[in-house]
Amino acid sequence: MAAILGFVFFIINSLLGLLILALIITAVMSWLVAFDVINLRNNVVRQIYYALERITEPLLAPIRRFVPPLGGVDLSFIILFLIVQGVRGYLLPGLYTALMGLA
């Protein structure tokens, strides 16, 4: 049972890590598009950008409702990044330890 629980927590932690990677790549790509370093007329760039937006936007949209942009800077990315890092760094290990203590 402990091995299965450990594997489940490993998968959850890995998925959260991929989410962080998607957030960072989306932010960097949005800056590159805004400064016209890359443009969305390139088919590959457009597909990557929209695929990453489909992953991150459903998580960023609820935060944007409560946190308005500050001087044109979207703070929802930073807030979601901190939330996911907190879950990965504090909640998952604590939950894993608590559940392992019960088993």
N, C-alpha and C. Protein backbone atom coordinates (compact mmCIF):
# COMPACT_ATOMS: atom_id res chain seq x y z
N MET A 1 0.82 -1.19 0.00
CA MET A 1 0.00 0.00 0.00
C MET A 1 0.86 1.26 0.00
N ALA A 2 1.97 1.20 0.72
CA ALA A 2 2.86 2.36 0.81
C ALA A 2 3.47 2.68 -0.54
N ALA A 3 3.79 1.64 -1.33
CA ALA A 3 4.38 1.86 -2.65
C ALA A 3 3.38 2.54 -3.58
N ILE A 4 2.13 2.12 -3.52
CA ILE A 4 1.10 2.73 -4.37
C ILE A 4 0.89 4.19 -3.97
N LEU A 5 0.82 4.44 -2.68
CA LEU A 5 0.65 5.80 -2.20
C LEU A 5 1.83 6.68 -2.60
N GLY A 6 3.03 6.15 -2.49
CA GLY A 6 4.22 6.89 -2.90
C GLY A 6 4.20 7.19 -4.39
N PHE A 7 3.74 6.23 -5.19
CA PHE A 7 3.66 6.44 -6.63
C PHE A 7 2.63 7.51 -6.98
N VAL A 8 1.48 7.49 -6.31
CA VAL A 8 0.45 8.49 -6.55
C VAL A 8 0.98 9.89 -6.23
N PHE A 9 1.68 10.03 -5.12
CA PHE A 9 2.24 11.32 -4.77
C PHE A 9 3.34 11.73 -5.73
N PHE A 10 4.11 10.77 -6.24
CA PHE A 10 5.12 11.06 -7.25
C PHE A 10 4.47 11.61 -8.53
N ILE A 11 3.39 11.00 -8.97
CA ILE A 11 2.68 11.45 -10.17
C ILE A 11 2.12 12.86 -9.96
N ILE A 12 1.49 13.10 -8.81
CA ILE A 12 0.93 14.42 -8.53
C ILE A 12 2.03 15.48 -8.51
N ASN A 13 3.14 15.17 -7.86
CA ASN A 13 4.26 16.11 -7.80
C ASN A 13 4.84 16.37 -9.19
N SER A 14 4.94 15.34 -10.01
CA SER A 14 5.45 15.50 -11.37
C SER A 14 4.51 16.35 -12.22
N LEU A 15 3.21 16.13 -12.10
CA LEU A 15 2.25 16.93 -12.86
C LEU A 15 2.30 18.40 -12.44
N LEU A 16 2.46 18.65 -11.16
CA LEU A 16 2.59 20.03 -10.69
C LEU A 16 3.89 20.66 -11.20
N GLY A 17 4.94 19.86 -11.29
CA GLY A 17 6.19 20.35 -11.87
C GLY A 17 6.03 20.70 -13.34
N LEU A 18 5.30 19.88 -14.08
CA LEU A 18 5.02 20.18 -15.49
C LEU A 18 4.17 21.44 -15.63
N LEU A 19 3.24 21.64 -14.69
CA LEU A 19 2.43 22.85 -14.71
C LEU A 19 3.30 24.09 -14.50
N ILE A 20 4.26 24.00 -13.60
CA ILE A 20 5.17 25.12 -13.38
C ILE A 20 5.98 25.40 -14.64
N LEU A 21 6.44 24.35 -15.28
CA LEU A 21 7.19 24.51 -16.53
C LEU A 21 6.32 25.16 -17.60
N ALA A 22 5.07 24.73 -17.71
CA ALA A 22 4.15 25.32 -18.68
C ALA A 22 3.89 26.79 -18.36
N LEU A 23 3.77 27.12 -17.10
CA LEU A 23 3.57 28.53 -16.70
C LEU A 23 4.77 29.39 -17.11
N ILE A 24 5.96 28.90 -16.85
CA ILE A 24 7.15 29.68 -17.17
C ILE A 24 7.30 29.85 -18.68
N ILE A 25 7.10 28.79 -19.43
CA ILE A 25 7.22 28.87 -20.89
C ILE A 25 6.16 29.80 -21.46
N THR A 26 4.93 29.72 -20.95
CA THR A 26 3.87 30.61 -21.42
C THR A 26 4.20 32.06 -21.14
N ALA A 27 4.72 32.35 -19.95
CA ALA A 27 5.08 33.73 -19.61
C ALA A 27 6.19 34.24 -20.52
N VAL A 28 7.21 33.45 -20.73
CA VAL A 28 8.32 33.87 -21.58
C VAL A 28 7.85 34.06 -23.02
N MET A 29 7.02 33.13 -23.51
CA MET A 29 6.52 33.27 -24.88
C MET A 29 5.64 34.50 -25.02
N SER A 30 4.83 34.82 -24.01
CA SER A 30 3.98 36.01 -24.10
C SER A 30 4.83 37.27 -24.15
N TRP A 31 5.94 37.30 -23.40
CA TRP A 31 6.84 38.45 -23.47
C TRP A 31 7.49 38.54 -24.85
N LEU A 32 7.91 37.40 -25.38
CA LEU A 32 8.55 37.41 -26.70
C LEU A 32 7.58 37.85 -27.80
N VAL A 33 6.32 37.45 -27.66
CA VAL A 33 5.31 37.89 -28.63
C VAL A 33 5.03 39.38 -28.44
N ALA A 34 4.96 39.84 -27.20
CA ALA A 34 4.68 41.26 -26.94
C ALA A 34 5.79 42.17 -27.46
N PHE A 35 7.03 41.73 -27.39
CA PHE A 35 8.16 42.52 -27.86
C PHE A 35 8.52 42.20 -29.30
N ASP A 36 7.68 41.42 -29.96
CA ASP A 36 7.82 41.09 -31.38
C ASP A 36 9.14 40.39 -31.71
N VAL A 37 9.63 39.60 -30.76
CA VAL A 37 10.80 38.77 -31.03
C VAL A 37 10.36 37.55 -31.84
N ILE A 38 9.23 36.98 -31.43
CA ILE A 38 8.59 35.92 -32.21
C ILE A 38 7.18 36.41 -32.51
N ASN A 39 6.59 35.88 -33.56
CA ASN A 39 5.21 36.28 -33.84
C ASN A 39 4.36 35.04 -34.06
N LEU A 40 3.08 35.23 -33.90
CA LEU A 40 2.14 34.12 -33.96
C LEU A 40 1.75 33.76 -35.39
N ARG A 41 2.34 34.41 -36.38
CA ARG A 41 2.10 34.00 -37.76
C ARG A 41 2.84 32.73 -38.10
N ASN A 42 3.91 32.44 -37.33
CA ASN A 42 4.62 31.18 -37.49
C ASN A 42 3.73 30.07 -36.93
N ASN A 43 3.44 29.07 -37.75
CA ASN A 43 2.49 28.03 -37.37
C ASN A 43 2.94 27.24 -36.14
N VAL A 44 4.22 26.91 -36.06
CA VAL A 44 4.72 26.13 -34.92
C VAL A 44 4.62 26.94 -33.63
N VAL A 45 5.04 28.19 -33.69
CA VAL A 45 4.97 29.06 -32.52
C VAL A 45 3.53 29.22 -32.06
N ARG A 46 2.63 29.44 -33.02
CA ARG A 46 1.22 29.62 -32.68
C ARG A 46 0.64 28.37 -32.02
N GLN A 47 0.96 27.19 -32.54
CA GLN A 47 0.42 25.96 -31.96
C GLN A 47 0.95 25.73 -30.55
N ILE A 48 2.24 25.96 -30.34
CA ILE A 48 2.82 25.79 -29.00
C ILE A 48 2.20 26.79 -28.03
N TYR A 49 2.10 28.04 -28.47
CA TYR A 49 1.57 29.10 -27.60
C TYR A 49 0.13 28.82 -27.21
N TYR A 50 -0.71 28.47 -28.17
CA TYR A 50 -2.12 28.21 -27.87
C TYR A 50 -2.31 26.93 -27.05
N ALA A 51 -1.47 25.93 -27.28
CA ALA A 51 -1.56 24.70 -26.48
C ALA A 51 -1.22 25.00 -25.02
N LEU A 52 -0.18 25.78 -24.80
CA LEU A 52 0.20 26.14 -23.43
C LEU A 52 -0.85 27.04 -22.79
N GLU A 53 -1.44 27.92 -23.57
CA GLU A 53 -2.51 28.77 -23.03
C GLU A 53 -3.72 27.95 -22.62
N ARG A 54 -4.04 26.91 -23.38
CA ARG A 54 -5.17 26.05 -23.02
C ARG A 54 -4.93 25.31 -21.71
N ILE A 55 -3.67 25.08 -21.40
CA ILE A 55 -3.32 24.41 -20.14
C ILE A 55 -3.37 25.39 -18.97
N THR A 56 -2.81 26.58 -19.17
CA THR A 56 -2.64 27.50 -18.05
C THR A 56 -3.81 28.45 -17.84
N GLU A 57 -4.50 28.82 -18.90
CA GLU A 57 -5.56 29.83 -18.79
C GLU A 57 -6.70 29.44 -17.85
N PRO A 58 -7.16 28.18 -17.84
CA PRO A 58 -8.24 27.84 -16.89
C PRO A 58 -7.83 28.00 -15.43
N LEU A 59 -6.55 27.93 -15.15
CA LEU A 59 -6.08 28.10 -13.79
C LEU A 59 -5.81 29.57 -13.47
N LEU A 60 -5.44 30.35 -14.47
CA LEU A 60 -5.14 31.77 -14.25
C LEU A 60 -6.39 32.64 -14.24
N ALA A 61 -7.42 32.26 -14.98
CA ALA A 61 -8.62 33.09 -15.11
C ALA A 61 -9.31 33.36 -13.76
N PRO A 62 -9.50 32.37 -12.89
CA PRO A 62 -10.14 32.70 -11.60
C PRO A 62 -9.31 33.65 -10.75
N ILE A 63 -8.01 33.57 -10.84
CA ILE A 63 -7.15 34.47 -10.08
C ILE A 63 -7.25 35.88 -10.64
N ARG A 64 -7.35 35.99 -11.96
CA ARG A 64 -7.46 37.31 -12.59
C ARG A 64 -8.74 38.03 -12.21
N ARG A 65 -9.77 37.28 -11.85
CA ARG A 65 -11.02 37.92 -11.42
C ARG A 65 -10.85 38.67 -10.11
N PHE A 66 -9.96 38.18 -9.24
CA PHE A 66 -9.77 38.78 -7.93
C PHE A 66 -8.57 39.71 -7.86
N VAL A 67 -7.58 39.50 -8.71
CA VAL A 67 -6.36 40.30 -8.67
C VAL A 67 -6.25 41.06 -9.99
N PRO A 68 -6.52 42.36 -9.97
CA PRO A 68 -6.43 43.13 -11.21
C PRO A 68 -4.96 43.35 -11.59
N PRO A 69 -4.71 43.64 -12.86
CA PRO A 69 -3.33 43.94 -13.27
C PRO A 69 -2.82 45.19 -12.55
N LEU A 70 -1.59 45.16 -12.15
CA LEU A 70 -0.98 46.27 -11.42
C LEU A 70 -0.01 46.98 -12.36
N GLY A 71 -0.41 48.12 -12.87
CA GLY A 71 0.44 48.86 -13.79
C GLY A 71 0.68 48.13 -15.09
N GLY A 72 -0.29 47.35 -15.53
CA GLY A 72 -0.15 46.59 -16.76
C GLY A 72 0.54 45.26 -16.59
N VAL A 73 0.93 44.93 -15.36
CA VAL A 73 1.60 43.65 -15.09
C VAL A 73 0.58 42.68 -14.52
N ASP A 74 0.50 41.51 -15.14
CA ASP A 74 -0.43 40.48 -14.70
C ASP A 74 0.19 39.70 -13.54
N LEU A 75 -0.37 39.87 -12.36
CA LEU A 75 0.16 39.22 -11.16
C LEU A 75 -0.39 37.81 -10.96
N SER A 76 -1.37 37.41 -11.76
CA SER A 76 -1.97 36.09 -11.57
C SER A 76 -0.96 34.98 -11.79
N PHE A 77 -0.01 35.18 -12.69
CA PHE A 77 1.03 34.19 -12.92
C PHE A 77 1.85 33.95 -11.65
N ILE A 78 2.25 35.03 -11.01
CA ILE A 78 3.08 34.92 -9.81
C ILE A 78 2.30 34.25 -8.69
N ILE A 79 1.04 34.61 -8.54
CA ILE A 79 0.22 34.02 -7.48
C ILE A 79 0.03 32.53 -7.71
N LEU A 80 -0.30 32.13 -8.95
CA LEU A 80 -0.46 30.70 -9.24
C LEU A 80 0.85 29.96 -9.07
N PHE A 81 1.94 30.56 -9.48
CA PHE A 81 3.26 29.94 -9.32
C PHE A 81 3.55 29.68 -7.84
N LEU A 82 3.27 30.68 -6.99
CA LEU A 82 3.51 30.51 -5.55
C LEU A 82 2.59 29.47 -4.94
N ILE A 83 1.34 29.42 -5.40
CA ILE A 83 0.40 28.42 -4.88
C ILE A 83 0.87 27.02 -5.24
N VAL A 84 1.25 26.82 -6.49
CA VAL A 84 1.68 25.48 -6.92
C VAL A 84 2.97 25.09 -6.20
N GLN A 85 3.89 26.03 -6.05
CA GLN A 85 5.13 25.73 -5.33
C GLN A 85 4.84 25.40 -3.86
N GLY A 86 3.88 26.10 -3.26
CA GLY A 86 3.51 25.81 -1.88
C GLY A 86 2.89 24.43 -1.73
N VAL A 87 2.05 24.07 -2.68
CA VAL A 87 1.45 22.73 -2.64
C VAL A 87 2.53 21.67 -2.79
N ARG A 88 3.45 21.90 -3.72
CA ARG A 88 4.53 20.92 -3.94
C ARG A 88 5.49 20.85 -2.75
N GLY A 89 5.78 21.99 -2.15
CA GLY A 89 6.80 22.02 -1.11
C GLY A 89 6.30 21.73 0.29
N TYR A 90 5.03 22.05 0.56
CA TYR A 90 4.54 21.92 1.93
C TYR A 90 3.35 20.97 2.07
N LEU A 91 2.34 21.13 1.23
CA LEU A 91 1.14 20.31 1.40
C LEU A 91 1.35 18.86 1.02
N LEU A 92 1.96 18.60 -0.13
CA LEU A 92 2.16 17.20 -0.55
C LEU A 92 3.03 16.41 0.42
N PRO A 93 4.20 16.94 0.82
CA PRO A 93 5.00 16.16 1.78
C PRO A 93 4.29 15.96 3.12
N GLY A 94 3.59 16.99 3.60
CA GLY A 94 2.85 16.85 4.86
C GLY A 94 1.73 15.84 4.76
N LEU A 95 1.00 15.88 3.66
CA LEU A 95 -0.09 14.92 3.44
C LEU A 95 0.45 13.51 3.31
N TYR A 96 1.57 13.37 2.60
CA TYR A 96 2.19 12.05 2.42
C TYR A 96 2.63 11.49 3.77
N THR A 97 3.27 12.34 4.58
CA THR A 97 3.72 11.89 5.90
C THR A 97 2.53 11.51 6.78
N ALA A 98 1.47 12.31 6.74
CA ALA A 98 0.29 12.00 7.54
C ALA A 98 -0.36 10.70 7.11
N LEU A 99 -0.48 10.50 5.80
CA LEU A 99 -1.09 9.26 5.32
C LEU A 99 -0.20 8.05 5.57
N MET A 100 1.09 8.22 5.51
CA MET A 100 1.99 7.10 5.80
C MET A 100 1.95 6.73 7.27
N GLY A 101 1.69 7.71 8.12
CA GLY A 101 1.58 7.43 9.55
C GLY A 101 0.33 6.63 9.87
N LEU A 102 -0.72 6.79 9.05
CA LEU A 102 -1.95 6.03 9.26
C LEU A 102 -1.87 4.60 8.76
N ALA A 103 -1.00 4.39 7.75
CA ALA A 103 -0.92 3.06 7.14
C ALA A 103 -0.16 2.08 7.98
